[in-house]
């Protein structure tokens, strides 16, 4: 009977296309590699003894978002807003008239033209996060949100894409709605919600709005 049991285990592993070692205990490196590709329950299916390792991998792989080097100094330029401290030029208002999936958002921004400039791009999470304020105020649209009041954000459900993936940032510890974790690697992207003043993530196939930014070489005198 033992040979029959061994044969069944071998066939099962061949069917799953995984090494025989995955039927029981897996190494830490193996488990950490799997946690980047699948959810914890799927990892446990392949490595039944890996519960503690999964937790250790997640703790080891905590990558938190960093702030910009300088506190923003916003200057009104009409259709654009200059952050002269971080040498960033922002559109005053959202760029898109409808939400887009991530791939389409990148494509749309590549053809953007504002104030004669064509070098616009989607912001990183640290960049877009720098527009958030600690308290909700009326902005340029007359509506209340957590975006800096110099900007004009009038969307009812205003979630804006960043280019920061869950490979680059795996956790965000928010003060308002708790901690957000993402283990989806390049498939997950972080976004900023100005109406709620929150940061979260979604899959690239989701649809969100677009806010654009451009790099400048030197600050205004």
N, C-alpha and C. Protein backbone atom coordinates (compact mmCIF):
# COMPACT_ATOMS: atom_id res chain seq x y z
N UNK A 1 0.82 -1.21 0.00
CA UNK A 1 0.00 0.00 0.00
C UNK A 1 0.86 1.27 0.00
N UNK A 2 2.08 1.17 0.59
CA UNK A 2 2.92 2.35 0.64
C UNK A 2 3.30 2.80 -0.76
N UNK A 3 3.59 1.81 -1.63
CA UNK A 3 3.98 2.20 -2.99
C UNK A 3 2.83 2.86 -3.72
N UNK A 4 1.59 2.47 -3.40
CA UNK A 4 0.43 3.09 -4.04
C UNK A 4 0.26 4.54 -3.58
N UNK A 5 0.48 4.78 -2.29
CA UNK A 5 0.39 6.14 -1.76
C UNK A 5 1.46 7.03 -2.36
N UNK A 6 2.69 6.48 -2.46
CA UNK A 6 3.79 7.24 -3.04
C UNK A 6 3.51 7.56 -4.50
N UNK A 7 2.92 6.60 -5.21
CA UNK A 7 2.59 6.83 -6.63
C UNK A 7 1.56 7.94 -6.78
N UNK A 8 0.57 7.96 -5.88
CA UNK A 8 -0.46 9.00 -5.94
C UNK A 8 0.14 10.39 -5.69
N UNK A 9 1.05 10.46 -4.69
CA UNK A 9 1.69 11.75 -4.39
C UNK A 9 2.54 12.21 -5.57
N UNK A 10 3.27 11.26 -6.19
CA UNK A 10 4.09 11.61 -7.35
C UNK A 10 3.24 12.13 -8.50
N UNK A 11 2.14 11.43 -8.79
CA UNK A 11 1.25 11.86 -9.86
C UNK A 11 0.64 13.23 -9.57
N UNK A 12 0.29 13.46 -8.31
CA UNK A 12 -0.28 14.75 -7.93
C UNK A 12 0.71 15.88 -8.18
N UNK A 13 1.96 15.67 -7.81
CA UNK A 13 2.97 16.70 -8.01
C UNK A 13 3.29 16.90 -9.48
N UNK A 14 3.26 15.82 -10.26
CA UNK A 14 3.46 15.96 -11.70
C UNK A 14 2.33 16.78 -12.32
N UNK A 15 1.11 16.51 -11.83
CA UNK A 15 -0.06 17.24 -12.33
C UNK A 15 0.04 18.73 -12.02
N UNK A 16 0.53 19.05 -10.82
CA UNK A 16 0.68 20.45 -10.40
C UNK A 16 1.95 21.08 -10.95
N UNK A 17 2.79 20.26 -11.53
CA UNK A 17 4.05 20.74 -12.11
C UNK A 17 4.91 21.46 -11.07
N UNK A 18 5.04 20.89 -9.89
CA UNK A 18 5.85 21.45 -8.83
C UNK A 18 6.76 20.38 -8.28
N UNK A 19 7.87 20.79 -7.68
CA UNK A 19 8.79 19.79 -7.13
C UNK A 19 8.13 18.98 -6.02
N UNK A 20 8.66 17.78 -5.81
CA UNK A 20 8.11 16.90 -4.78
C UNK A 20 8.19 17.53 -3.40
N UNK A 21 9.22 18.38 -3.17
CA UNK A 21 9.41 18.99 -1.85
C UNK A 21 8.22 19.85 -1.47
N UNK A 22 7.47 20.37 -2.45
CA UNK A 22 6.34 21.23 -2.17
C UNK A 22 5.17 20.47 -1.53
N UNK A 23 5.23 19.15 -1.56
CA UNK A 23 4.15 18.38 -0.96
C UNK A 23 4.14 18.51 0.55
N UNK A 24 5.25 18.95 1.13
CA UNK A 24 5.33 19.11 2.57
C UNK A 24 5.98 20.43 2.94
N UNK A 25 7.19 20.32 3.47
CA UNK A 25 7.90 21.51 3.93
C UNK A 25 8.66 22.16 2.78
N UNK A 26 8.53 23.49 2.66
CA UNK A 26 9.26 24.23 1.65
C UNK A 26 10.29 25.12 2.33
N UNK A 27 11.32 25.48 1.60
CA UNK A 27 12.32 26.38 2.15
C UNK A 27 11.77 27.80 2.21
N UNK A 28 12.42 28.65 2.98
CA UNK A 28 11.97 30.03 3.12
C UNK A 28 12.02 30.75 1.78
N UNK A 29 13.09 30.52 1.02
CA UNK A 29 13.22 31.19 -0.28
C UNK A 29 12.11 30.76 -1.23
N UNK A 30 11.76 29.47 -1.18
CA UNK A 30 10.68 28.97 -2.03
C UNK A 30 9.34 29.61 -1.67
N UNK A 31 9.07 29.68 -0.37
CA UNK A 31 7.81 30.25 0.08
C UNK A 31 7.73 31.74 -0.25
N UNK A 32 8.81 32.47 -0.02
CA UNK A 32 8.82 33.91 -0.31
C UNK A 32 8.63 34.17 -1.80
N UNK A 33 9.20 33.31 -2.63
CA UNK A 33 9.01 33.46 -4.08
C UNK A 33 7.54 33.24 -4.46
N UNK A 34 6.91 32.25 -3.81
CA UNK A 34 5.51 31.95 -4.11
C UNK A 34 4.58 33.06 -3.62
N UNK A 35 4.89 33.69 -2.47
CA UNK A 35 4.02 34.73 -1.94
C UNK A 35 3.97 35.96 -2.84
N UNK A 36 4.96 36.11 -3.70
CA UNK A 36 4.96 37.24 -4.64
C UNK A 36 4.05 36.97 -5.84
N UNK A 37 3.66 35.69 -6.03
CA UNK A 37 2.90 35.32 -7.20
C UNK A 37 1.46 34.92 -6.90
N UNK A 38 1.17 34.56 -5.64
CA UNK A 38 -0.16 34.04 -5.33
C UNK A 38 -0.56 34.40 -3.90
N UNK A 39 -1.83 34.21 -3.59
CA UNK A 39 -2.31 34.55 -2.25
C UNK A 39 -1.89 33.47 -1.25
N UNK A 40 -1.96 33.77 0.07
CA UNK A 40 -1.48 32.83 1.09
C UNK A 40 -2.14 31.45 1.04
N UNK A 41 -3.43 31.40 0.72
CA UNK A 41 -4.13 30.11 0.68
C UNK A 41 -3.58 29.22 -0.44
N UNK A 42 -3.25 29.82 -1.57
CA UNK A 42 -2.67 29.05 -2.67
C UNK A 42 -1.28 28.55 -2.29
N UNK A 43 -0.53 29.38 -1.56
CA UNK A 43 0.80 28.96 -1.11
C UNK A 43 0.69 27.76 -0.16
N UNK A 44 -0.29 27.81 0.74
CA UNK A 44 -0.49 26.71 1.69
C UNK A 44 -0.91 25.43 0.99
N UNK A 45 -1.59 25.53 -0.13
CA UNK A 45 -1.95 24.33 -0.89
C UNK A 45 -0.70 23.60 -1.36
N UNK A 46 0.32 24.38 -1.71
CA UNK A 46 1.55 23.77 -2.21
C UNK A 46 2.55 23.48 -1.08
N UNK A 47 2.48 24.29 -0.01
CA UNK A 47 3.40 24.14 1.11
C UNK A 47 2.60 24.13 2.40
N UNK A 48 2.01 23.00 2.77
CA UNK A 48 1.09 22.94 3.92
C UNK A 48 1.70 23.37 5.25
N UNK A 49 3.04 23.29 5.38
CA UNK A 49 3.69 23.62 6.64
C UNK A 49 4.27 25.03 6.64
N UNK A 50 3.80 25.89 5.73
CA UNK A 50 4.49 27.17 5.49
C UNK A 50 3.83 28.37 6.13
N UNK A 51 2.88 28.17 7.04
CA UNK A 51 2.14 29.31 7.60
C UNK A 51 3.06 30.35 8.22
N UNK A 52 3.99 29.92 9.07
CA UNK A 52 4.90 30.86 9.72
C UNK A 52 5.83 31.53 8.71
N UNK A 53 6.25 30.77 7.70
CA UNK A 53 7.14 31.34 6.70
C UNK A 53 6.44 32.41 5.87
N UNK A 54 5.16 32.18 5.58
CA UNK A 54 4.39 33.18 4.83
C UNK A 54 4.36 34.50 5.59
N UNK A 55 4.12 34.42 6.89
CA UNK A 55 4.10 35.62 7.72
C UNK A 55 5.46 36.30 7.72
N UNK A 56 6.53 35.50 7.85
CA UNK A 56 7.88 36.07 7.86
C UNK A 56 8.21 36.73 6.53
N UNK A 57 7.78 36.11 5.42
CA UNK A 57 8.05 36.67 4.10
C UNK A 57 7.36 38.02 3.94
N UNK A 58 6.12 38.10 4.40
CA UNK A 58 5.38 39.34 4.29
C UNK A 58 6.03 40.44 5.13
N UNK A 59 6.45 40.09 6.34
CA UNK A 59 7.10 41.08 7.20
C UNK A 59 8.44 41.50 6.62
N UNK A 60 9.15 40.55 6.04
CA UNK A 60 10.46 40.84 5.47
C UNK A 60 10.34 41.72 4.24
N UNK A 61 9.23 41.60 3.54
CA UNK A 61 9.07 42.29 2.25
C UNK A 61 8.25 43.58 2.38
N UNK A 62 8.18 44.15 3.57
CA UNK A 62 7.44 45.38 3.75
C UNK A 62 8.18 46.55 3.09
N UNK A 63 7.57 47.13 2.11
CA UNK A 63 8.14 48.29 1.43
C UNK A 63 7.13 49.43 1.51
N UNK A 64 7.43 50.41 2.33
CA UNK A 64 6.51 51.50 2.55
C UNK A 64 6.81 52.67 1.62
N UNK A 65 5.79 53.45 1.33
CA UNK A 65 5.96 54.60 0.46
C UNK A 65 6.78 55.67 1.17
N UNK A 66 7.64 56.32 0.43
CA UNK A 66 8.46 57.39 0.97
C UNK A 66 7.89 58.75 0.54
N UNK A 67 8.11 59.76 1.34
CA UNK A 67 7.70 61.11 0.97
C UNK A 67 8.72 61.72 0.02
N UNK A 68 8.30 62.76 -0.69
CA UNK A 68 9.26 63.52 -1.49
C UNK A 68 10.30 64.15 -0.58
N UNK A 69 11.43 64.47 -1.15
CA UNK A 69 12.53 65.01 -0.35
C UNK A 69 12.14 66.34 0.30
N UNK A 70 11.42 67.19 -0.44
CA UNK A 70 11.09 68.52 0.04
C UNK A 70 9.58 68.68 0.25
N UNK A 71 9.21 69.50 1.21
CA UNK A 71 7.81 69.86 1.37
C UNK A 71 7.38 70.70 0.17
N UNK A 72 6.27 70.38 -0.48
CA UNK A 72 5.87 71.11 -1.69
C UNK A 72 5.69 72.61 -1.46
N UNK A 73 6.08 73.38 -2.45
CA UNK A 73 5.85 74.83 -2.48
C UNK A 73 5.13 75.14 -3.79
N UNK A 74 3.80 75.27 -3.71
CA UNK A 74 2.98 75.40 -4.90
C UNK A 74 2.87 76.86 -5.35
N UNK A 75 3.02 77.06 -6.66
CA UNK A 75 2.89 78.38 -7.28
C UNK A 75 1.88 78.28 -8.42
N UNK A 76 0.90 79.16 -8.41
CA UNK A 76 -0.15 79.18 -9.42
C UNK A 76 0.39 79.69 -10.74
N UNK A 77 0.29 78.85 -11.80
CA UNK A 77 0.75 79.22 -13.14
C UNK A 77 -0.40 79.25 -14.14
N UNK A 78 -1.63 79.34 -13.67
CA UNK A 78 -2.78 79.35 -14.56
C UNK A 78 -3.33 77.95 -14.75
N UNK A 79 -3.07 77.37 -15.93
CA UNK A 79 -3.54 76.00 -16.19
C UNK A 79 -2.70 74.95 -15.47
N UNK A 80 -1.57 75.38 -14.95
CA UNK A 80 -0.66 74.45 -14.27
C UNK A 80 -0.29 75.00 -12.89
N UNK A 81 0.22 74.11 -12.05
CA UNK A 81 0.68 74.46 -10.71
C UNK A 81 2.11 73.96 -10.56
N UNK A 82 3.02 74.87 -10.23
CA UNK A 82 4.42 74.50 -10.07
C UNK A 82 4.74 74.19 -8.61
N UNK A 83 5.34 73.05 -8.39
CA UNK A 83 5.93 72.73 -7.08
C UNK A 83 7.42 73.05 -7.21
N UNK A 84 7.78 74.27 -6.83
CA UNK A 84 9.16 74.71 -7.06
C UNK A 84 10.16 74.03 -6.12
N UNK A 85 9.69 73.46 -5.03
CA UNK A 85 10.60 72.76 -4.12
C UNK A 85 11.06 71.43 -4.69
N UNK A 86 10.14 70.71 -5.39
CA UNK A 86 10.45 69.39 -5.93
C UNK A 86 10.60 69.39 -7.45
N UNK A 87 10.54 70.59 -8.06
CA UNK A 87 10.70 70.73 -9.51
C UNK A 87 9.72 69.86 -10.28
N UNK A 88 8.44 70.01 -9.90
CA UNK A 88 7.36 69.28 -10.56
C UNK A 88 6.30 70.28 -11.04
N UNK A 89 5.79 70.06 -12.23
CA UNK A 89 4.72 70.89 -12.78
C UNK A 89 3.47 70.04 -12.91
N UNK A 90 2.40 70.46 -12.24
CA UNK A 90 1.15 69.71 -12.21
C UNK A 90 0.09 70.37 -13.07
N UNK A 91 -0.83 69.58 -13.60
CA UNK A 91 -2.03 70.17 -14.19
C UNK A 91 -2.90 70.69 -13.05
N UNK A 92 -3.59 71.78 -13.28
CA UNK A 92 -4.43 72.34 -12.22
C UNK A 92 -5.59 71.42 -11.89
N UNK A 93 -6.12 70.74 -12.90
CA UNK A 93 -7.27 69.88 -12.71
C UNK A 93 -7.01 68.51 -13.30
N UNK A 94 -7.92 67.57 -13.08
CA UNK A 94 -7.75 66.23 -13.64
C UNK A 94 -7.71 66.31 -15.16
N UNK A 95 -6.95 65.42 -15.75
CA UNK A 95 -6.75 65.47 -17.20
C UNK A 95 -7.85 64.75 -17.96
N UNK A 96 -8.34 63.66 -17.42
CA UNK A 96 -9.26 62.81 -18.18
C UNK A 96 -10.72 63.17 -17.90
N UNK A 97 -11.56 62.96 -18.90
CA UNK A 97 -13.00 63.16 -18.75
C UNK A 97 -13.71 61.88 -18.37
N UNK A 98 -12.97 60.80 -18.29
CA UNK A 98 -13.52 59.51 -17.87
C UNK A 98 -12.39 58.67 -17.31
N UNK A 99 -12.71 57.63 -16.55
CA UNK A 99 -11.66 56.76 -16.01
C UNK A 99 -11.12 55.81 -17.09
N UNK A 100 -9.88 55.39 -16.90
CA UNK A 100 -9.22 54.48 -17.84
C UNK A 100 -8.55 53.33 -17.10
N UNK A 101 -8.43 52.21 -17.78
CA UNK A 101 -7.58 51.14 -17.28
C UNK A 101 -6.13 51.63 -17.32
N UNK A 102 -5.28 51.00 -16.53
CA UNK A 102 -3.91 51.51 -16.38
C UNK A 102 -3.17 51.63 -17.72
N UNK A 103 -3.21 50.58 -18.52
CA UNK A 103 -2.49 50.61 -19.79
C UNK A 103 -3.00 51.73 -20.69
N UNK A 104 -4.31 51.93 -20.70
CA UNK A 104 -4.88 53.00 -21.52
C UNK A 104 -4.55 54.37 -20.94
N UNK A 105 -4.47 54.45 -19.61
CA UNK A 105 -4.13 55.73 -18.99
C UNK A 105 -2.72 56.17 -19.39
N UNK A 106 -1.79 55.22 -19.41
CA UNK A 106 -0.42 55.54 -19.84
C UNK A 106 -0.40 56.02 -21.28
N UNK A 107 -1.20 55.37 -22.12
CA UNK A 107 -1.26 55.75 -23.53
C UNK A 107 -1.86 57.13 -23.70
N UNK A 108 -2.94 57.43 -22.99
CA UNK A 108 -3.61 58.72 -23.10
C UNK A 108 -2.69 59.85 -22.65
N UNK A 109 -1.97 59.63 -21.57
CA UNK A 109 -1.08 60.68 -21.05
C UNK A 109 0.06 60.96 -22.02
N UNK A 110 0.50 59.95 -22.73
CA UNK A 110 1.62 60.13 -23.67
C UNK A 110 1.29 61.13 -24.77
N UNK A 111 0.01 61.37 -25.02
CA UNK A 111 -0.39 62.33 -26.06
C UNK A 111 -0.97 63.61 -25.47
N UNK A 112 -0.82 63.80 -24.15
CA UNK A 112 -1.38 64.99 -23.49
C UNK A 112 -0.63 66.25 -23.91
N UNK A 113 -1.39 67.33 -24.05
CA UNK A 113 -0.79 68.62 -24.37
C UNK A 113 -1.48 69.69 -23.51
N UNK A 114 -0.73 70.25 -22.57
CA UNK A 114 -1.24 71.28 -21.67
C UNK A 114 -0.24 72.43 -21.61
N UNK A 115 -0.73 73.64 -21.81
CA UNK A 115 0.13 74.84 -21.78
C UNK A 115 1.33 74.70 -22.71
N UNK A 116 1.12 74.04 -23.86
CA UNK A 116 2.17 73.90 -24.85
C UNK A 116 3.16 72.79 -24.57
N UNK A 117 3.02 72.09 -23.46
CA UNK A 117 3.95 71.01 -23.12
C UNK A 117 3.38 69.67 -23.55
N UNK A 118 4.28 68.78 -23.94
CA UNK A 118 3.86 67.44 -24.34
C UNK A 118 4.62 66.35 -23.57
N UNK A 119 5.32 66.74 -22.51
CA UNK A 119 6.13 65.78 -21.76
C UNK A 119 5.47 65.36 -20.45
N UNK A 120 4.15 65.27 -20.46
CA UNK A 120 3.40 64.89 -19.26
C UNK A 120 3.48 63.39 -19.03
N UNK A 121 3.29 63.00 -17.78
CA UNK A 121 3.32 61.58 -17.39
C UNK A 121 2.41 61.37 -16.19
N UNK A 122 2.12 60.11 -15.88
CA UNK A 122 1.43 59.78 -14.65
C UNK A 122 2.40 59.97 -13.48
N UNK A 123 1.93 60.43 -12.33
CA UNK A 123 2.82 60.62 -11.18
C UNK A 123 3.12 59.32 -10.45
N UNK A 124 4.21 59.32 -9.71
CA UNK A 124 4.49 58.22 -8.79
C UNK A 124 3.62 58.40 -7.55
N UNK A 125 3.58 57.39 -6.70
CA UNK A 125 2.80 57.50 -5.47
C UNK A 125 3.34 58.60 -4.54
N UNK A 126 4.66 58.69 -4.32
CA UNK A 126 5.15 59.80 -3.49
C UNK A 126 4.78 61.17 -4.05
N UNK A 127 4.79 61.30 -5.37
CA UNK A 127 4.46 62.59 -5.99
C UNK A 127 2.98 62.93 -5.79
N UNK A 128 2.09 62.01 -6.14
CA UNK A 128 0.66 62.30 -6.02
C UNK A 128 0.24 62.42 -4.56
N UNK A 129 0.89 61.67 -3.70
CA UNK A 129 0.62 61.75 -2.26
C UNK A 129 0.92 63.14 -1.73
N UNK A 130 1.86 63.84 -2.35
CA UNK A 130 2.26 65.16 -1.86
C UNK A 130 1.17 66.21 -2.04
N UNK A 131 0.13 65.89 -2.84
CA UNK A 131 -1.00 66.81 -3.02
C UNK A 131 -2.04 66.67 -1.93
N UNK A 132 -1.96 65.59 -1.14
CA UNK A 132 -2.93 65.36 -0.06
C UNK A 132 -2.72 66.34 1.09
N UNK A 133 -3.82 66.76 1.69
CA UNK A 133 -3.80 67.64 2.85
C UNK A 133 -4.38 66.90 4.06
N UNK A 134 -3.99 67.29 5.28
CA UNK A 134 -4.49 66.58 6.48
C UNK A 134 -5.97 66.81 6.75
N UNK A 135 -6.53 67.90 6.22
CA UNK A 135 -7.94 68.20 6.45
C UNK A 135 -8.64 68.49 5.13
N UNK A 136 -9.93 68.17 5.09
CA UNK A 136 -10.70 68.40 3.87
C UNK A 136 -11.11 69.87 3.79
N UNK A 137 -10.86 70.49 2.63
CA UNK A 137 -11.20 71.89 2.41
C UNK A 137 -11.82 72.05 1.03
N UNK A 138 -12.42 73.20 0.78
CA UNK A 138 -12.93 73.51 -0.55
C UNK A 138 -11.74 73.76 -1.47
N UNK A 139 -11.77 73.11 -2.64
CA UNK A 139 -10.70 73.36 -3.60
C UNK A 139 -11.20 74.26 -4.73
N UNK A 140 -10.45 74.32 -5.81
CA UNK A 140 -10.79 75.23 -6.90
C UNK A 140 -12.13 74.98 -7.54
N UNK A 141 -12.69 73.79 -7.37
CA UNK A 141 -14.00 73.47 -7.94
C UNK A 141 -15.14 73.88 -7.01
N UNK A 142 -14.80 74.31 -5.80
CA UNK A 142 -15.82 74.65 -4.82
C UNK A 142 -16.30 73.47 -4.01
N UNK A 143 -15.74 72.29 -4.28
CA UNK A 143 -16.11 71.08 -3.55
C UNK A 143 -15.03 70.73 -2.53
N UNK A 144 -15.43 70.06 -1.50
CA UNK A 144 -14.50 69.73 -0.42
C UNK A 144 -13.79 68.41 -0.70
N UNK A 145 -12.49 68.41 -0.53
CA UNK A 145 -11.70 67.20 -0.67
C UNK A 145 -10.38 67.40 0.06
N UNK A 146 -9.55 66.36 0.04
CA UNK A 146 -8.27 66.41 0.75
C UNK A 146 -7.13 66.86 -0.15
N UNK A 147 -7.42 67.27 -1.37
CA UNK A 147 -6.38 67.78 -2.24
C UNK A 147 -6.07 69.22 -1.84
N UNK A 148 -4.85 69.66 -2.08
CA UNK A 148 -4.47 71.05 -1.77
C UNK A 148 -5.44 71.99 -2.47
N UNK A 149 -5.94 73.02 -1.79
CA UNK A 149 -6.99 73.88 -2.35
C UNK A 149 -6.59 74.66 -3.59
N UNK A 150 -5.31 74.71 -3.93
CA UNK A 150 -4.90 75.41 -5.14
C UNK A 150 -5.30 74.63 -6.40
N UNK A 151 -5.59 73.34 -6.23
CA UNK A 151 -5.98 72.50 -7.36
C UNK A 151 -7.50 72.48 -7.53
N UNK A 152 -7.93 72.03 -8.69
CA UNK A 152 -9.36 71.99 -9.02
C UNK A 152 -9.77 70.55 -9.28
N UNK A 153 -10.31 69.92 -8.26
CA UNK A 153 -10.71 68.51 -8.36
C UNK A 153 -12.20 68.39 -8.05
N UNK A 154 -13.02 68.27 -9.10
CA UNK A 154 -14.46 68.28 -8.90
C UNK A 154 -15.14 66.95 -9.08
N UNK A 155 -14.37 65.87 -9.25
CA UNK A 155 -14.97 64.56 -9.47
C UNK A 155 -15.67 64.04 -8.22
N UNK A 156 -16.80 63.38 -8.42
CA UNK A 156 -17.54 62.82 -7.29
C UNK A 156 -16.81 61.64 -6.68
N UNK A 157 -16.20 60.83 -7.52
CA UNK A 157 -15.48 59.64 -7.05
C UNK A 157 -14.08 59.69 -7.64
N UNK A 158 -13.22 60.47 -6.99
CA UNK A 158 -11.96 60.85 -7.62
C UNK A 158 -10.77 60.00 -7.19
N UNK A 159 -10.57 58.88 -7.87
CA UNK A 159 -9.43 58.00 -7.65
C UNK A 159 -8.47 58.18 -8.82
N UNK A 160 -7.22 58.46 -8.53
CA UNK A 160 -6.27 58.77 -9.59
C UNK A 160 -5.08 57.81 -9.58
N UNK A 161 -4.75 57.33 -10.79
CA UNK A 161 -3.66 56.39 -10.95
C UNK A 161 -2.31 57.00 -10.54
N UNK A 162 -1.42 56.14 -10.02
CA UNK A 162 0.00 56.45 -9.95
C UNK A 162 0.71 55.39 -10.80
N UNK A 163 2.02 55.50 -10.91
CA UNK A 163 2.79 54.47 -11.62
C UNK A 163 3.47 53.51 -10.65
N UNK A 164 3.22 53.66 -9.37
CA UNK A 164 3.89 52.84 -8.37
C UNK A 164 3.17 51.51 -8.21
N UNK A 165 3.86 50.43 -8.49
CA UNK A 165 3.26 49.10 -8.42
C UNK A 165 3.44 48.50 -7.02
N UNK A 166 2.77 47.39 -6.80
CA UNK A 166 2.89 46.67 -5.53
C UNK A 166 4.21 45.92 -5.42
N UNK A 167 4.99 45.91 -6.47
CA UNK A 167 6.35 45.41 -6.39
C UNK A 167 7.24 46.43 -5.70
N UNK A 168 6.94 47.72 -5.93
CA UNK A 168 7.74 48.81 -5.37
C UNK A 168 7.30 49.19 -3.95
N UNK A 169 5.99 49.18 -3.70
CA UNK A 169 5.43 49.47 -2.38
C UNK A 169 4.46 48.36 -2.03
N UNK A 170 4.66 47.70 -0.91
CA UNK A 170 3.81 46.57 -0.54
C UNK A 170 2.81 46.92 0.57
N UNK A 171 3.04 48.03 1.27
CA UNK A 171 2.14 48.37 2.38
C UNK A 171 2.05 49.87 2.54
N UNK A 172 0.84 50.35 2.85
CA UNK A 172 0.65 51.76 3.18
C UNK A 172 -0.12 51.84 4.49
N UNK A 173 0.47 52.49 5.48
CA UNK A 173 -0.15 52.62 6.79
C UNK A 173 -0.90 53.95 6.85
N UNK A 174 -2.20 53.89 6.56
CA UNK A 174 -3.01 55.10 6.54
C UNK A 174 -3.57 55.44 7.90
N UNK A 175 -3.70 56.72 8.19
CA UNK A 175 -4.23 57.15 9.47
C UNK A 175 -5.76 57.07 9.50
N UNK A 176 -6.39 57.20 8.34
CA UNK A 176 -7.85 57.34 8.32
C UNK A 176 -8.57 56.00 8.20
N UNK A 177 -8.10 55.12 7.34
CA UNK A 177 -8.81 53.87 7.11
C UNK A 177 -7.92 52.64 7.30
N UNK A 178 -6.86 52.78 8.07
CA UNK A 178 -6.04 51.62 8.38
C UNK A 178 -4.99 51.30 7.32
N UNK A 179 -4.34 50.18 7.53
CA UNK A 179 -3.22 49.77 6.68
C UNK A 179 -3.70 48.99 5.45
N UNK A 180 -3.12 49.31 4.30
CA UNK A 180 -3.41 48.58 3.06
C UNK A 180 -2.17 47.78 2.68
N UNK A 181 -2.37 46.49 2.44
CA UNK A 181 -1.27 45.61 2.01
C UNK A 181 -1.53 45.13 0.60
N UNK A 182 -0.46 44.99 -0.16
CA UNK A 182 -0.59 44.45 -1.52
C UNK A 182 0.59 43.54 -1.81
N UNK A 183 0.29 42.30 -2.19
CA UNK A 183 1.30 41.32 -2.55
C UNK A 183 1.14 40.87 -4.00
N UNK A 184 0.61 41.76 -4.84
CA UNK A 184 0.31 41.40 -6.23
C UNK A 184 1.42 41.77 -7.21
N UNK A 185 2.55 42.27 -6.71
CA UNK A 185 3.68 42.56 -7.58
C UNK A 185 3.35 43.60 -8.64
N UNK A 186 3.76 43.32 -9.87
CA UNK A 186 3.56 44.26 -10.98
C UNK A 186 2.10 44.33 -11.43
N UNK A 187 1.26 43.40 -10.97
CA UNK A 187 -0.15 43.41 -11.38
C UNK A 187 -0.99 44.43 -10.62
N UNK A 188 -0.51 44.88 -9.46
CA UNK A 188 -1.24 45.84 -8.65
C UNK A 188 -0.59 47.21 -8.73
N UNK A 189 -1.41 48.27 -8.76
CA UNK A 189 -0.91 49.65 -8.83
C UNK A 189 -1.63 50.49 -7.78
N UNK A 190 -0.91 51.39 -7.14
CA UNK A 190 -1.48 52.24 -6.11
C UNK A 190 -2.18 53.45 -6.72
N UNK A 191 -3.24 53.91 -6.04
CA UNK A 191 -3.94 55.11 -6.48
C UNK A 191 -4.25 55.98 -5.26
N UNK A 192 -4.55 57.25 -5.52
CA UNK A 192 -4.88 58.21 -4.46
C UNK A 192 -6.33 58.65 -4.64
N UNK A 193 -7.07 58.65 -3.55
CA UNK A 193 -8.47 59.07 -3.56
C UNK A 193 -8.57 60.40 -2.80
N UNK A 194 -8.72 61.51 -3.53
CA UNK A 194 -8.71 62.82 -2.91
C UNK A 194 -10.01 63.13 -2.16
N UNK A 195 -11.10 62.55 -2.59
CA UNK A 195 -12.37 62.81 -1.91
C UNK A 195 -12.34 62.27 -0.48
N UNK A 196 -11.76 61.08 -0.30
CA UNK A 196 -11.69 60.44 1.01
C UNK A 196 -10.36 60.69 1.71
N UNK A 197 -9.38 61.18 0.95
CA UNK A 197 -8.07 61.39 1.54
C UNK A 197 -7.34 60.10 1.83
N UNK A 198 -7.51 59.09 0.98
CA UNK A 198 -6.93 57.77 1.22
C UNK A 198 -6.03 57.33 0.08
N UNK A 199 -5.24 56.32 0.37
CA UNK A 199 -4.38 55.68 -0.62
C UNK A 199 -4.67 54.18 -0.60
N UNK A 200 -4.85 53.59 -1.76
CA UNK A 200 -5.10 52.15 -1.84
C UNK A 200 -4.53 51.64 -3.16
N UNK A 201 -4.82 50.38 -3.48
CA UNK A 201 -4.30 49.80 -4.71
C UNK A 201 -5.41 49.05 -5.42
N UNK A 202 -5.21 48.80 -6.70
CA UNK A 202 -6.13 47.97 -7.47
C UNK A 202 -5.36 47.32 -8.61
N UNK A 203 -5.99 46.35 -9.26
CA UNK A 203 -5.36 45.70 -10.40
C UNK A 203 -5.35 46.63 -11.62
N UNK A 204 -4.41 46.41 -12.51
CA UNK A 204 -4.27 47.27 -13.68
C UNK A 204 -5.50 47.27 -14.58
N UNK A 205 -6.30 46.22 -14.50
CA UNK A 205 -7.50 46.15 -15.32
C UNK A 205 -8.62 47.02 -14.78
N UNK A 206 -8.46 47.54 -13.55
CA UNK A 206 -9.45 48.46 -12.99
C UNK A 206 -9.36 49.81 -13.72
N UNK A 207 -10.36 50.64 -13.53
CA UNK A 207 -10.38 51.95 -14.18
C UNK A 207 -10.35 53.07 -13.15
N UNK A 208 -9.45 54.03 -13.36
CA UNK A 208 -9.35 55.20 -12.49
C UNK A 208 -9.09 56.44 -13.35
N UNK A 209 -9.17 57.59 -12.70
CA UNK A 209 -8.99 58.86 -13.40
C UNK A 209 -7.51 59.19 -13.55
N UNK A 210 -7.24 60.27 -14.26
CA UNK A 210 -5.86 60.64 -14.59
C UNK A 210 -5.55 62.05 -14.10
N UNK A 211 -4.43 62.19 -13.39
CA UNK A 211 -3.86 63.49 -13.09
C UNK A 211 -2.43 63.46 -13.59
N UNK A 212 -1.97 64.52 -14.24
CA UNK A 212 -0.66 64.46 -14.89
C UNK A 212 0.34 65.40 -14.23
N UNK A 213 1.59 65.06 -14.43
CA UNK A 213 2.70 65.84 -13.89
C UNK A 213 3.84 65.84 -14.90
N UNK A 214 4.70 66.84 -14.84
CA UNK A 214 5.87 66.92 -15.70
C UNK A 214 7.06 67.37 -14.86
N UNK A 215 8.24 67.03 -15.30
CA UNK A 215 9.46 67.45 -14.60
C UNK A 215 9.93 68.79 -15.15
N UNK A 216 10.40 69.64 -14.27
CA UNK A 216 11.00 70.92 -14.70
C UNK A 216 12.46 70.95 -14.29
N UNK A 217 13.27 71.71 -15.00
CA UNK A 217 14.70 71.71 -14.77
C UNK A 217 15.13 72.64 -13.65
N UNK A 218 14.38 73.74 -13.48
CA UNK A 218 14.75 74.69 -12.44
C UNK A 218 13.53 75.43 -11.95
N UNK A 219 13.58 75.90 -10.72
CA UNK A 219 12.45 76.60 -10.12
C UNK A 219 12.37 78.04 -10.64
N UNK A 220 11.17 78.61 -10.52
CA UNK A 220 10.96 79.99 -10.92
C UNK A 220 11.72 80.93 -10.00
N UNK A 221 12.18 82.01 -10.56
CA UNK A 221 12.91 83.01 -9.78
C UNK A 221 11.93 84.09 -9.31
